[in-house]
Amino acid sequence: MNKKEELLPILAGLLVAVIFGFSFTFTKGALELLDPFHLLGLRFLFASSLLWILRLFNVIKINFSGRRMKPLFFLTLFQPILYFICEVTGVDMTSASESGMMISLIPVVAAILGVIFLNEKPSKKQWFFIFLSVAGVIFITIMRESEVEGNYVGMLVLLGAVFSAGAFNILSRKSSLYFNAIEITFFMMMVGLVVFNGIAITDHIVRGEITHYFTPLLNLNALVAVTYLGILSSVVAFFMLNFMLSKIEATKSAVFGNLVTVVSIIAGILVLGEPFYWFHIVGAILILLGVWGTNYYGIKPGNRKPSVEQKEISKSFD
């Protein structure tokens, strides 16, 4: 790849971190008016609606006819289905500190899965910077809320989210051999639309509140939050994420997730007026150094050879 081609995936990763980082402030406000699965249902409804509009006006082209769909079904099982179910449930059962510590393990899990399934073997320096970035996230979360009592069941649920995200990173790279980033994102949003609205609508029917399903959107704050989460966090961010995963190794791309912590702190200060402490600065420096080092000492494409496991996985998708 030339310099421009190398830079685009990095910029995509930074954009993903910014969008996801600010999404926490919108989610926090929306959950005061909506149940978690109701919020997810409306979020994917907005995302799917936008993609269908773009498709109808030929802005994007989607054609799954005669294509190998098995990779996408594997991918959507982990993201959005398992990841969002585990994340929503786990965060509800644990403190912010515990949630942040567990989610920060995604780069490590993705790197390990990359070694097993993609033969992407990080160097010692790369491993060092991966753990440095994770250490920054853990340091921030421990210093911020270390007094909160743990919930080990919730931690196990969050571990499910971590492995789901790691598996998604691997499967997205595999799916990129058959589909482009738009097609992957479109399929993910459609699955999320069906699954999460199915859960939310069933819950409203059971409670006898189905006629009020869209009532929360009459609130401007809820409407803005769902629009941000549905369009930017779901469509734009996942498109950028899938594009990034199709261009660079899972080991390098996953570590961008830790930048979300830095952005979320900044968003909290600017939007919610949250305090800023010295340990935020220390943690942010560790995270940024980790992201830089992981990319600077990244694996050269020419040094990668397909493993036996990788060949077997390719066969399983065919």
C-alpha atoms as a PDB file:
ATOM      1  CA  MET A   1       0.000   0.000   0.000  1.00  0.00           C
ATOM      2  CA  ASN A   2       1.108   3.563  -0.680  1.00  0.00           C
ATOM      3  CA  LYS A   3       1.102   6.273   1.992  1.00  0.00           C
ATOM      4  CA  LYS A   4      -2.472   7.343   1.251  1.00  0.00           C
ATOM      5  CA  GLU A   5      -3.768   3.777   1.404  1.00  0.00           C
ATOM      6  CA  GLU A   6      -1.959   3.245   4.706  1.00  0.00           C
ATOM      7  CA  LEU A   7      -3.350   6.457   6.184  1.00  0.00           C
ATOM      8  CA  LEU A   8      -7.028   5.938   5.315  1.00  0.00           C
ATOM      9  CA  PRO A   9      -7.593   2.942   7.647  1.00  0.00           C
ATOM     10  CA  ILE A  10      -5.904   4.867  10.491  1.00  0.00           C
ATOM     11  CA  LEU A  11      -8.174   7.867   9.919  1.00  0.00           C
ATOM     12  CA  ALA A  12     -11.154   5.524   9.803  1.00  0.00           C
ATOM     13  CA  GLY A  13     -10.114   4.090  13.176  1.00  0.00           C
ATOM     14  CA  LEU A  14      -9.831   7.559  14.689  1.00  0.00           C
ATOM     15  CA  LEU A  15     -13.280   8.498  13.369  1.00  0.00           C
ATOM     16  CA  VAL A  16     -14.749   5.316  14.862  1.00  0.00           C
ATOM     17  CA  ALA A  17     -13.197   6.152  18.243  1.00  0.00           C
ATOM     18  CA  VAL A  18     -14.629   9.689  18.196  1.00  0.00           C
ATOM     19  CA  ILE A  19     -18.147   8.560  17.239  1.00  0.00           C
ATOM     20  CA  PHE A  20     -18.247   5.687  19.737  1.00  0.00           C
ATOM     21  CA  GLY A  21     -16.702   7.890  22.421  1.00  0.00           C
ATOM     22  CA  PHE A  22     -19.432  10.514  22.156  1.00  0.00           C
ATOM     23  CA  SER A  23     -22.107   7.811  21.895  1.00  0.00           C
ATOM     24  CA  PHE A  24     -21.866   7.165  25.643  1.00  0.00           C
ATOM     25  CA  THR A  25     -23.212  10.628  26.447  1.00  0.00           C
ATOM     26  CA  PHE A  26     -26.160  10.122  24.091  1.00  0.00           C
ATOM     27  CA  THR A  27     -26.809   6.625  25.412  1.00  0.00           C
ATOM     28  CA  LYS A  28     -26.773   7.863  29.001  1.00  0.00           C
ATOM     29  CA  GLY A  29     -29.466  10.414  28.229  1.00  0.00           C
ATOM     30  CA  ALA A  30     -31.579   8.040  26.151  1.00  0.00           C
ATOM     31  CA  LEU A  31     -31.642   5.331  28.830  1.00  0.00           C
ATOM     32  CA  GLU A  32     -33.433   7.738  31.149  1.00  0.00           C
ATOM     33  CA  LEU A  33     -36.397   7.507  28.769  1.00  0.00           C
ATOM     34  CA  LEU A  34     -36.008   4.091  27.125  1.00  0.00           C
ATOM     35  CA  ASP A  35     -35.327   0.526  28.232  1.00  0.00           C
ATOM     36  CA  PRO A  36     -32.033  -0.898  26.880  1.00  0.00           C
ATOM     37  CA  PHE A  37     -33.557  -3.196  24.243  1.00  0.00           C
ATOM     38  CA  HIS A  38     -36.110  -0.543  23.262  1.00  0.00           C
ATOM     39  CA  LEU A  39     -33.224   1.855  22.658  1.00  0.00           C
ATOM     40  CA  LEU A  40     -31.358  -0.778  20.636  1.00  0.00           C
ATOM     41  CA  GLY A  41     -34.479  -1.517  18.594  1.00  0.00           C
ATOM     42  CA  LEU A  42     -35.050   2.133  17.689  1.00  0.00           C
ATOM     43  CA  ARG A  43     -31.339   2.631  17.059  1.00  0.00           C
ATOM     44  CA  PHE A  44     -31.227  -0.164  14.477  1.00  0.00           C
ATOM     45  CA  LEU A  45     -34.552   0.974  13.020  1.00  0.00           C
ATOM     46  CA  PHE A  46     -33.045   4.397  12.268  1.00  0.00           C
ATOM     47  CA  ALA A  47     -29.862   2.820  10.927  1.00  0.00           C
ATOM     48  CA  SER A  48     -31.704   0.390   8.654  1.00  0.00           C
ATOM     49  CA  SER A  49     -34.050   3.104   7.393  1.00  0.00           C
ATOM     50  CA  LEU A  50     -31.121   5.283   6.354  1.00  0.00           C
ATOM     51  CA  LEU A  51     -29.429   2.413   4.528  1.00  0.00           C
ATOM     52  CA  TRP A  52     -32.643   1.478   2.705  1.00  0.00           C
ATOM     53  CA  ILE A  53     -33.115   5.114   1.602  1.00  0.00           C
ATOM     54  CA  LEU A  54     -29.537   5.224   0.315  1.00  0.00           C
ATOM     55  CA  ARG A  55     -30.109   1.937  -1.485  1.00  0.00           C
ATOM     56  CA  LEU A  56     -33.379   3.081  -3.104  1.00  0.00           C
ATOM     57  CA  PHE A  57     -31.658   6.213  -4.453  1.00  0.00           C
ATOM     58  CA  ASN A  58     -28.716   4.106  -5.714  1.00  0.00           C
ATOM     59  CA  VAL A  59     -26.268   5.884  -3.430  1.00  0.00           C
ATOM     60  CA  ILE A  60     -25.157   2.448  -2.268  1.00  0.00           C
ATOM     61  CA  LYS A  61     -25.461  -0.811  -4.174  1.00  0.00           C
ATOM     62  CA  ILE A  62     -26.325  -4.030  -2.350  1.00  0.00           C
ATOM     63  CA  ASN A  63     -26.701  -7.380  -4.092  1.00  0.00           C
ATOM     64  CA  PHE A  64     -26.508 -10.609  -2.120  1.00  0.00           C
ATOM     65  CA  SER A  65     -27.917 -12.759  -4.916  1.00  0.00           C
ATOM     66  CA  GLY A  66     -25.768 -15.823  -5.474  1.00  0.00           C
ATOM     67  CA  ARG A  67     -23.266 -14.749  -2.817  1.00  0.00           C
ATOM     68  CA  ARG A  68     -21.760 -16.791   0.025  1.00  0.00           C
ATOM     69  CA  MET A  69     -23.830 -15.615   3.002  1.00  0.00           C
ATOM     70  CA  LYS A  70     -22.336 -17.939   5.599  1.00  0.00           C
ATOM     71  CA  PRO A  71     -19.551 -15.512   6.627  1.00  0.00           C
ATOM     72  CA  LEU A  72     -22.090 -12.758   7.321  1.00  0.00           C
ATOM     73  CA  PHE A  73     -24.311 -15.002   9.433  1.00  0.00           C
ATOM     74  CA  PHE A  74     -21.301 -15.969  11.545  1.00  0.00           C
ATOM     75  CA  LEU A  75     -20.307 -12.309  11.874  1.00  0.00           C
ATOM     76  CA  THR A  76     -23.743 -10.997  12.899  1.00  0.00           C
ATOM     77  CA  LEU A  77     -24.082 -13.713  15.534  1.00  0.00           C
ATOM     78  CA  PHE A  78     -21.226 -12.036  17.389  1.00  0.00           C
ATOM     79  CA  GLN A  79     -21.868  -8.431  16.307  1.00  0.00           C
ATOM     80  CA  PRO A  80     -24.446  -7.016  16.780  1.00  0.00           C
ATOM     81  CA  ILE A  81     -26.397  -9.835  18.497  1.00  0.00           C
ATOM     82  CA  LEU A  82     -24.185 -11.366  21.207  1.00  0.00           C
ATOM     83  CA  TYR A  83     -22.067  -8.272  21.763  1.00  0.00           C
ATOM     84  CA  PHE A  84     -24.947  -5.886  22.418  1.00  0.00           C
ATOM     85  CA  ILE A  85     -26.890  -8.391  24.525  1.00  0.00           C
ATOM     86  CA  CYS A  86     -23.843  -9.088  26.707  1.00  0.00           C
ATOM     87  CA  GLU A  87     -22.823  -5.426  26.881  1.00  0.00           C
ATOM     88  CA  VAL A  88     -26.274  -4.116  27.849  1.00  0.00           C
ATOM     89  CA  THR A  89     -26.833  -6.887  30.388  1.00  0.00           C
ATOM     90  CA  GLY A  90     -23.309  -6.747  31.803  1.00  0.00           C
ATOM     91  CA  VAL A  91     -23.190  -2.973  32.194  1.00  0.00           C
ATOM     92  CA  ASP A  92     -26.546  -3.111  33.958  1.00  0.00           C
ATOM     93  CA  MET A  93     -25.152  -5.648  36.465  1.00  0.00           C
ATOM     94  CA  THR A  94     -21.758  -4.048  37.154  1.00  0.00           C
ATOM     95  CA  SER A  95     -20.133  -0.715  37.873  1.00  0.00           C
ATOM     96  CA  ALA A  96     -18.630   1.542  35.235  1.00  0.00           C
ATOM     97  CA  SER A  97     -15.196   0.594  36.540  1.00  0.00           C
ATOM     98  CA  GLU A  98     -15.757  -3.142  36.078  1.00  0.00           C
ATOM     99  CA  SER A  99     -17.335  -2.608  32.654  1.00  0.00           C
ATOM    100  CA  GLY A 100     -14.422  -0.475  31.472  1.00  0.00           C
ATOM    101  CA  MET A 101     -11.858  -2.973  32.727  1.00  0.00           C
ATOM    102  CA  MET A 102     -13.523  -5.874  30.929  1.00  0.00           C
ATOM    103  CA  ILE A 103     -14.187  -4.051  27.639  1.00  0.00           C
ATOM    104  CA  SER A 104     -10.558  -2.873  27.598  1.00  0.00           C
ATOM    105  CA  LEU A 105      -9.521  -6.512  27.156  1.00  0.00           C
ATOM    106  CA  ILE A 106     -10.916  -6.580  23.594  1.00  0.00           C
ATOM    107  CA  PRO A 107      -7.545  -5.760  21.923  1.00  0.00           C
ATOM    108  CA  VAL A 108      -5.838  -8.594  23.794  1.00  0.00           C
ATOM    109  CA  VAL A 109      -8.573 -11.093  22.864  1.00  0.00           C
ATOM    110  CA  ALA A 110      -8.553  -9.880  19.249  1.00  0.00           C
ATOM    111  CA  ALA A 111      -4.776 -10.242  19.101  1.00  0.00           C
ATOM    112  CA  ILE A 112      -4.943 -13.781  20.471  1.00  0.00           C
ATOM    113  CA  LEU A 113      -7.711 -14.736  18.032  1.00  0.00           C
ATOM    114  CA  GLY A 114      -5.701 -13.120  15.231  1.00  0.00           C
ATOM    115  CA  VAL A 115      -2.756 -15.372  16.105  1.00  0.00           C
ATOM    116  CA  ILE A 116      -4.955 -18.492  16.131  1.00  0.00           C
ATOM    117  CA  PHE A 117      -7.134 -17.873  13.083  1.00  0.00           C
ATOM    118  CA  LEU A 118      -5.319 -15.340  10.870  1.00  0.00           C
ATOM    119  CA  ASN A 119      -1.688 -16.194  11.611  1.00  0.00           C
ATOM    120  CA  GLU A 120      -1.109 -12.546  12.577  1.00  0.00           C
ATOM    121  CA  LYS A 121       1.705 -12.938  15.079  1.00  0.00           C
ATOM    122  CA  PRO A 122       2.537  -9.721  16.946  1.00  0.00           C
ATOM    123  CA  SER A 123       6.150  -8.951  17.735  1.00  0.00           C
ATOM    124  CA  LYS A 124       7.311  -8.537  21.329  1.00  0.00           C
ATOM    125  CA  LYS A 125       7.243  -4.769  20.880  1.00  0.00           C
ATOM    126  CA  GLN A 126       3.722  -4.923  19.509  1.00  0.00           C
ATOM    127  CA  TRP A 127       2.537  -7.029  22.447  1.00  0.00           C
ATOM    128  CA  PHE A 128       4.122  -4.511  24.808  1.00  0.00           C
ATOM    129  CA  PHE A 129       2.200  -1.604  23.283  1.00  0.00           C
ATOM    130  CA  ILE A 130      -1.058  -3.587  23.211  1.00  0.00           C
ATOM    131  CA  PHE A 131      -0.821  -4.180  26.948  1.00  0.00           C
ATOM    132  CA  LEU A 132       0.325  -0.591  27.501  1.00  0.00           C
ATOM    133  CA  SER A 133      -2.860   0.678  25.868  1.00  0.00           C
ATOM    134  CA  VAL A 134      -5.007  -1.748  27.884  1.00  0.00           C
ATOM    135  CA  ALA A 135      -3.177  -0.711  31.051  1.00  0.00           C
ATOM    136  CA  GLY A 136      -4.160   2.900  30.364  1.00  0.00           C
ATOM    137  CA  VAL A 137      -7.855   1.996  30.222  1.00  0.00           C
ATOM    138  CA  ILE A 138      -7.647  -0.163  33.344  1.00  0.00           C
ATOM    139  CA  PHE A 139      -5.742   2.563  35.213  1.00  0.00           C
ATOM    140  CA  ILE A 140      -8.414   5.164  34.426  1.00  0.00           C
ATOM    141  CA  THR A 141     -11.318   2.941  35.416  1.00  0.00           C
ATOM    142  CA  ILE A 142      -9.694   1.714  38.655  1.00  0.00           C
ATOM    143  CA  MET A 143      -8.735   5.219  39.769  1.00  0.00           C
ATOM    144  CA  ARG A 144     -12.181   6.590  38.907  1.00  0.00           C
ATOM    145  CA  GLU A 145     -14.435   4.070  40.602  1.00  0.00           C
ATOM    146  CA  SER A 146     -12.328   1.573  42.560  1.00  0.00           C
ATOM    147  CA  GLU A 147     -14.622   1.765  45.561  1.00  0.00           C
ATOM    148  CA  VAL A 148     -17.552   0.064  43.738  1.00  0.00           C
ATOM    149  CA  GLU A 149     -18.220  -3.514  44.913  1.00  0.00           C
ATOM    150  CA  GLY A 150     -17.792  -6.135  42.206  1.00  0.00           C
ATOM    151  CA  ASN A 151     -20.452  -8.278  40.567  1.00  0.00           C
ATOM    152  CA  TYR A 152     -18.777 -11.419  39.265  1.00  0.00           C
ATOM    153  CA  VAL A 153     -21.768 -12.679  37.297  1.00  0.00           C
ATOM    154  CA  GLY A 154     -21.866  -9.335  35.496  1.00  0.00           C
ATOM    155  CA  MET A 155     -18.129  -9.596  34.857  1.00  0.00           C
ATOM    156  CA  LEU A 156     -18.629 -12.979  33.188  1.00  0.00           C
ATOM    157  CA  VAL A 157     -21.404 -11.516  31.032  1.00  0.00           C
ATOM    158  CA  LEU A 158     -19.100  -8.665  29.997  1.00  0.00           C
ATOM    159  CA  LEU A 159     -16.436 -11.232  29.179  1.00  0.00           C
ATOM    160  CA  GLY A 160     -18.922 -12.580  26.662  1.00  0.00           C
ATOM    161  CA  ALA A 161     -19.047  -9.110  25.093  1.00  0.00           C
ATOM    162  CA  VAL A 162     -15.254  -9.006  24.970  1.00  0.00           C
ATOM    163  CA  PHE A 163     -14.984 -12.342  23.146  1.00  0.00           C
ATOM    164  CA  SER A 164     -17.852 -11.372  20.844  1.00  0.00           C
ATOM    165  CA  ALA A 165     -16.023  -8.189  19.841  1.00  0.00           C
ATOM    166  CA  GLY A 166     -12.781 -10.106  19.330  1.00  0.00           C
ATOM    167  CA  ALA A 167     -14.530 -12.693  17.177  1.00  0.00           C
ATOM    168  CA  PHE A 168     -16.197  -9.901  15.182  1.00  0.00           C
ATOM    169  CA  ASN A 169     -12.797  -8.387  14.353  1.00  0.00           C
ATOM    170  CA  ILE A 170     -11.630 -11.716  12.955  1.00  0.00           C
ATOM    171  CA  LEU A 171     -14.838 -12.547  11.083  1.00  0.00           C
ATOM    172  CA  SER A 172     -15.111  -9.067   9.588  1.00  0.00           C
ATOM    173  CA  ARG A 173     -11.678  -9.503   8.019  1.00  0.00           C
ATOM    174  CA  LYS A 174     -12.742 -12.890   6.668  1.00  0.00           C
ATOM    175  CA  SER A 175     -16.051 -11.503   5.392  1.00  0.00           C
ATOM    176  CA  SER A 176     -14.188  -8.710   3.590  1.00  0.00           C
ATOM    177  CA  LEU A 177     -12.887 -11.342   1.162  1.00  0.00           C
ATOM    178  CA  TYR A 178     -16.438 -11.772  -0.141  1.00  0.00           C
ATOM    179  CA  PHE A 179     -18.191  -8.481   0.692  1.00  0.00           C
ATOM    180  CA  ASN A 180     -17.287  -4.802   0.838  1.00  0.00           C
ATOM    181  CA  ALA A 181     -17.710  -2.636   3.937  1.00  0.00           C
ATOM    182  CA  ILE A 182     -21.108  -1.285   2.825  1.00  0.00           C
ATOM    183  CA  GLU A 183     -22.529  -4.765   2.308  1.00  0.00           C
ATOM    184  CA  ILE A 184     -21.255  -5.992   5.676  1.00  0.00           C
ATOM    185  CA  THR A 185     -22.633  -2.941   7.469  1.00  0.00           C
ATOM    186  CA  PHE A 186     -25.998  -3.245   5.685  1.00  0.00           C
ATOM    187  CA  PHE A 187     -26.415  -6.879   6.678  1.00  0.00           C
ATOM    188  CA  MET A 188     -25.431  -6.143  10.294  1.00  0.00           C
ATOM    189  CA  MET A 189     -28.002  -3.352  10.558  1.00  0.00           C
ATOM    190  CA  MET A 190     -30.773  -5.535   9.101  1.00  0.00           C
ATOM    191  CA  VAL A 191     -30.055  -8.320  11.587  1.00  0.00           C
ATOM    192  CA  GLY A 192     -29.969  -5.820  14.441  1.00  0.00           C
ATOM    193  CA  LEU A 193     -33.287  -4.372  13.234  1.00  0.00           C
ATOM    194  CA  VAL A 194     -35.026  -7.757  13.363  1.00  0.00           C
ATOM    195  CA  VAL A 195     -33.471  -9.111  16.557  1.00  0.00           C
ATOM    196  CA  PHE A 196     -33.627  -6.076  18.859  1.00  0.00           C
ATOM    197  CA  ASN A 197     -36.993  -4.800  17.669  1.00  0.00           C
ATOM    198  CA  GLY A 198     -38.276  -8.340  18.038  1.00  0.00           C
ATOM    199  CA  ILE A 199     -37.181  -8.362  21.678  1.00  0.00           C
ATOM    200  CA  ALA A 200     -38.468  -4.830  22.388  1.00  0.00           C
ATOM    201  CA  ILE A 201     -41.831  -5.305  20.629  1.00  0.00           C
ATOM    202  CA  THR A 202     -42.428  -8.612  22.413  1.00  0.00           C
ATOM    203  CA  ASP A 203     -41.716  -6.901  25.741  1.00  0.00           C
ATOM    204  CA  HIS A 204     -44.157  -4.075  24.919  1.00  0.00           C
ATOM    205  CA  ILE A 205     -46.866  -6.556  23.903  1.00  0.00           C
ATOM    206  CA  VAL A 206     -46.447  -8.496  27.147  1.00  0.00           C
ATOM    207  CA  ARG A 207     -46.754  -5.264  29.137  1.00  0.00           C
ATOM    208  CA  GLY A 208     -49.682  -4.042  27.044  1.00  0.00           C
ATOM    209  CA  GLU A 209     -47.777  -0.935  25.905  1.00  0.00           C
ATOM    210  CA  ILE A 210     -47.306  -1.649  22.196  1.00  0.00           C
ATOM    211  CA  THR A 211     -49.277   1.467  21.166  1.00  0.00           C
ATOM    212  CA  HIS A 212     -46.648   3.580  22.930  1.00  0.00           C
ATOM    213  CA  TYR A 213     -43.671   2.048  21.130  1.00  0.00           C
ATOM    214  CA  PHE A 214     -42.720   5.285  19.338  1.00  0.00           C
ATOM    215  CA  THR A 215     -43.979   7.716  21.986  1.00  0.00           C
ATOM    216  CA  PRO A 216     -40.494   8.347  23.484  1.00  0.00           C
ATOM    217  CA  LEU A 217     -39.381   9.831  20.141  1.00  0.00           C
ATOM    218  CA  LEU A 218     -41.708  12.777  20.775  1.00  0.00           C
ATOM    219  CA  ASN A 219     -39.117  13.854  23.331  1.00  0.00           C
ATOM    220  CA  LEU A 220     -36.450  15.933  21.566  1.00  0.00           C
ATOM    221  CA  ASN A 221     -33.585  14.564  23.686  1.00  0.00           C
ATOM    222  CA  ALA A 222     -34.596  10.983  22.948  1.00  0.00           C
ATOM    223  CA  LEU A 223     -34.999  11.727  19.240  1.00  0.00           C
ATOM    224  CA  VAL A 224     -31.554  13.343  18.994  1.00  0.00           C
ATOM    225  CA  ALA A 225     -29.939  10.491  20.926  1.00  0.00           C
ATOM    226  CA  VAL A 226     -31.550   7.753  18.811  1.00  0.00           C
ATOM    227  CA  THR A 227     -30.677   9.635  15.616  1.00  0.00           C
ATOM    228  CA  TYR A 228     -27.023   9.953  16.661  1.00  0.00           C
ATOM    229  CA  LEU A 229     -26.805   6.332  17.755  1.00  0.00           C
ATOM    230  CA  GLY A 230     -28.688   5.025  14.731  1.00  0.00           C
ATOM    231  CA  ILE A 231     -26.999   7.036  11.994  1.00  0.00           C
ATOM    232  CA  LEU A 232     -23.512   7.928  13.234  1.00  0.00           C
ATOM    233  CA  SER A 233     -22.776   5.160  15.739  1.00  0.00           C
ATOM    234  CA  SER A 234     -24.387   2.385  13.719  1.00  0.00           C
ATOM    235  CA  VAL A 235     -24.113   3.240  10.016  1.00  0.00           C
ATOM    236  CA  VAL A 236     -21.128   5.603   9.722  1.00  0.00           C
ATOM    237  CA  ALA A 237     -19.025   4.108  12.519  1.00  0.00           C
ATOM    238  CA  PHE A 238     -19.597   0.481  11.524  1.00  0.00           C
ATOM    239  CA  PHE A 239     -18.894   1.300   7.886  1.00  0.00           C
ATOM    240  CA  MET A 240     -15.592   2.872   8.940  1.00  0.00           C
ATOM    241  CA  LEU A 241     -14.873  -0.043  11.262  1.00  0.00           C
ATOM    242  CA  ASN A 242     -15.506  -2.672   8.589  1.00  0.00           C
ATOM    243  CA  PHE A 243     -13.428  -0.658   6.112  1.00  0.00           C
ATOM    244  CA  MET A 244     -10.549  -0.487   8.609  1.00  0.00           C
ATOM    245  CA  LEU A 245     -10.766  -4.211   9.389  1.00  0.00           C
ATOM    246  CA  SER A 246     -10.601  -5.021   5.669  1.00  0.00           C
ATOM    247  CA  LYS A 247      -7.315  -3.107   5.301  1.00  0.00           C
ATOM    248  CA  ILE A 248      -5.224  -3.756   8.427  1.00  0.00           C
ATOM    249  CA  GLU A 249      -4.561  -6.624  10.848  1.00  0.00           C
ATOM    250  CA  ALA A 250      -6.979  -7.389  13.668  1.00  0.00           C
ATOM    251  CA  THR A 251      -4.107  -6.838  16.133  1.00  0.00           C
ATOM    252  CA  LYS A 252      -3.607  -3.245  14.987  1.00  0.00           C
ATOM    253  CA  SER A 253      -7.221  -2.317  14.413  1.00  0.00           C
ATOM    254  CA  ALA A 254      -8.649  -3.611  17.698  1.00  0.00           C
ATOM    255  CA  VAL A 255      -6.448  -1.345  19.807  1.00  0.00           C
ATOM    256  CA  PHE A 256      -8.272   1.699  18.404  1.00  0.00           C
ATOM    257  CA  GLY A 257     -11.141   0.684  20.647  1.00  0.00           C
ATOM    258  CA  ASN A 258      -9.175   1.932  23.632  1.00  0.00           C
ATOM    259  CA  LEU A 259      -9.222   5.445  22.185  1.00  0.00           C
ATOM    260  CA  VAL A 260     -12.951   5.406  22.860  1.00  0.00           C
ATOM    261  CA  THR A 261     -12.125   5.775  26.560  1.00  0.00           C
ATOM    262  CA  VAL A 262     -10.163   8.965  25.930  1.00  0.00           C
ATOM    263  CA  VAL A 263     -12.894  10.423  23.725  1.00  0.00           C
ATOM    264  CA  SER A 264     -15.610   9.499  26.212  1.00  0.00           C
ATOM    265  CA  ILE A 265     -13.730  11.379  28.959  1.00  0.00           C
ATOM    266  CA  ILE A 266     -13.467  14.462  26.752  1.00  0.00           C
ATOM    267  CA  ALA A 267     -17.148  14.171  25.827  1.00  0.00           C
ATOM    268  CA  GLY A 268     -18.070  13.861  29.491  1.00  0.00           C
ATOM    269  CA  ILE A 269     -16.158  17.030  30.317  1.00  0.00           C
ATOM    270  CA  LEU A 270     -17.502  19.093  27.408  1.00  0.00           C
ATOM    271  CA  VAL A 271     -21.100  17.831  27.311  1.00  0.00           C
ATOM    272  CA  LEU A 272     -21.888  16.570  30.813  1.00  0.00           C
ATOM    273  CA  GLY A 273     -19.525  18.768  32.791  1.00  0.00           C
ATOM    274  CA  GLU A 274     -17.816  15.808  34.467  1.00  0.00           C
ATOM    275  CA  PRO A 275     -14.596  16.495  36.467  1.00  0.00           C
ATOM    276  CA  PHE A 276     -11.159  15.827  34.960  1.00  0.00           C
ATOM    277  CA  TYR A 277      -8.454  14.336  37.161  1.00  0.00           C
ATOM    278  CA  TRP A 278      -4.709  13.762  36.884  1.00  0.00           C
ATOM    279  CA  PHE A 279      -5.162  10.021  36.315  1.00  0.00           C
ATOM    280  CA  HIS A 280      -7.197  10.786  33.182  1.00  0.00           C
ATOM    281  CA  ILE A 281      -4.100  12.467  31.716  1.00  0.00           C
ATOM    282  CA  VAL A 282      -1.807   9.559  32.689  1.00  0.00           C
ATOM    283  CA  GLY A 283      -4.235   6.957  31.336  1.00  0.00           C
ATOM    284  CA  ALA A 284      -4.787   8.874  28.102  1.00  0.00           C
ATOM    285  CA  ILE A 285      -1.025   9.079  27.493  1.00  0.00           C
ATOM    286  CA  LEU A 286      -0.673   5.310  28.010  1.00  0.00           C
ATOM    287  CA  ILE A 287      -3.538   4.625  25.605  1.00  0.00           C
ATOM    288  CA  LEU A 288      -2.230   6.939  22.903  1.00  0.00           C
ATOM    289  CA  LEU A 289       1.288   5.498  23.187  1.00  0.00           C
ATOM    290  CA  GLY A 290      -0.204   2.017  22.910  1.00  0.00           C
ATOM    291  CA  VAL A 291      -2.134   2.892  19.758  1.00  0.00           C
ATOM    292  CA  TRP A 292       0.933   4.516  18.206  1.00  0.00           C
ATOM    293  CA  GLY A 293       3.279   1.663  19.069  1.00  0.00           C
ATOM    294  CA  THR A 294       0.944  -1.086  17.899  1.00  0.00           C
ATOM    295  CA  ASN A 295       0.666   0.568  14.486  1.00  0.00           C
ATOM    296  CA  TYR A 296       4.314   1.657  14.222  1.00  0.00           C
ATOM    297  CA  TYR A 297       5.592  -1.842  14.938  1.00  0.00           C
ATOM    298  CA  GLY A 298       2.811  -3.530  12.977  1.00  0.00           C
ATOM    299  CA  ILE A 299       3.119  -6.730  11.025  1.00  0.00           C
ATOM    300  CA  LYS A 300       4.224  -6.344   7.447  1.00  0.00           C
ATOM    301  CA  PRO A 301       1.747  -7.980   5.041  1.00  0.00           C
ATOM    302  CA  GLY A 302       4.567  -9.713   3.204  1.00  0.00           C
ATOM    303  CA  ASN A 303       5.635 -11.507   6.370  1.00  0.00           C
ATOM    304  CA  ARG A 304       2.253 -13.195   6.891  1.00  0.00           C
ATOM    305  CA  LYS A 305       1.604 -16.686   5.616  1.00  0.00           C
ATOM    306  CA  PRO A 306      -1.755 -18.426   5.753  1.00  0.00           C
ATOM    307  CA  SER A 307      -1.867 -20.968   8.557  1.00  0.00           C
ATOM    308  CA  VAL A 308      -3.454 -24.404   8.379  1.00  0.00           C
ATOM    309  CA  GLU A 309      -6.207 -23.126  10.647  1.00  0.00           C
ATOM    310  CA  GLN A 310      -6.816 -20.143   8.414  1.00  0.00           C
ATOM    311  CA  LYS A 311      -7.160 -22.396   5.350  1.00  0.00           C
ATOM    312  CA  GLU A 312      -9.611 -24.612   7.193  1.00  0.00           C
ATOM    313  CA  ILE A 313     -11.674 -21.584   8.226  1.00  0.00           C
ATOM    314  CA  SER A 314     -11.759 -20.413   4.615  1.00  0.00           C
ATOM    315  CA  LYS A 315     -13.081 -23.825   3.572  1.00  0.00           C
ATOM    316  CA  SER A 316     -15.760 -23.735   6.268  1.00  0.00           C
ATOM    317  CA  PHE A 317     -17.164 -20.513   4.803  1.00  0.00           C
ATOM    318  CA  ASP A 318     -17.321 -21.840   1.249  1.00  0.00           C
END
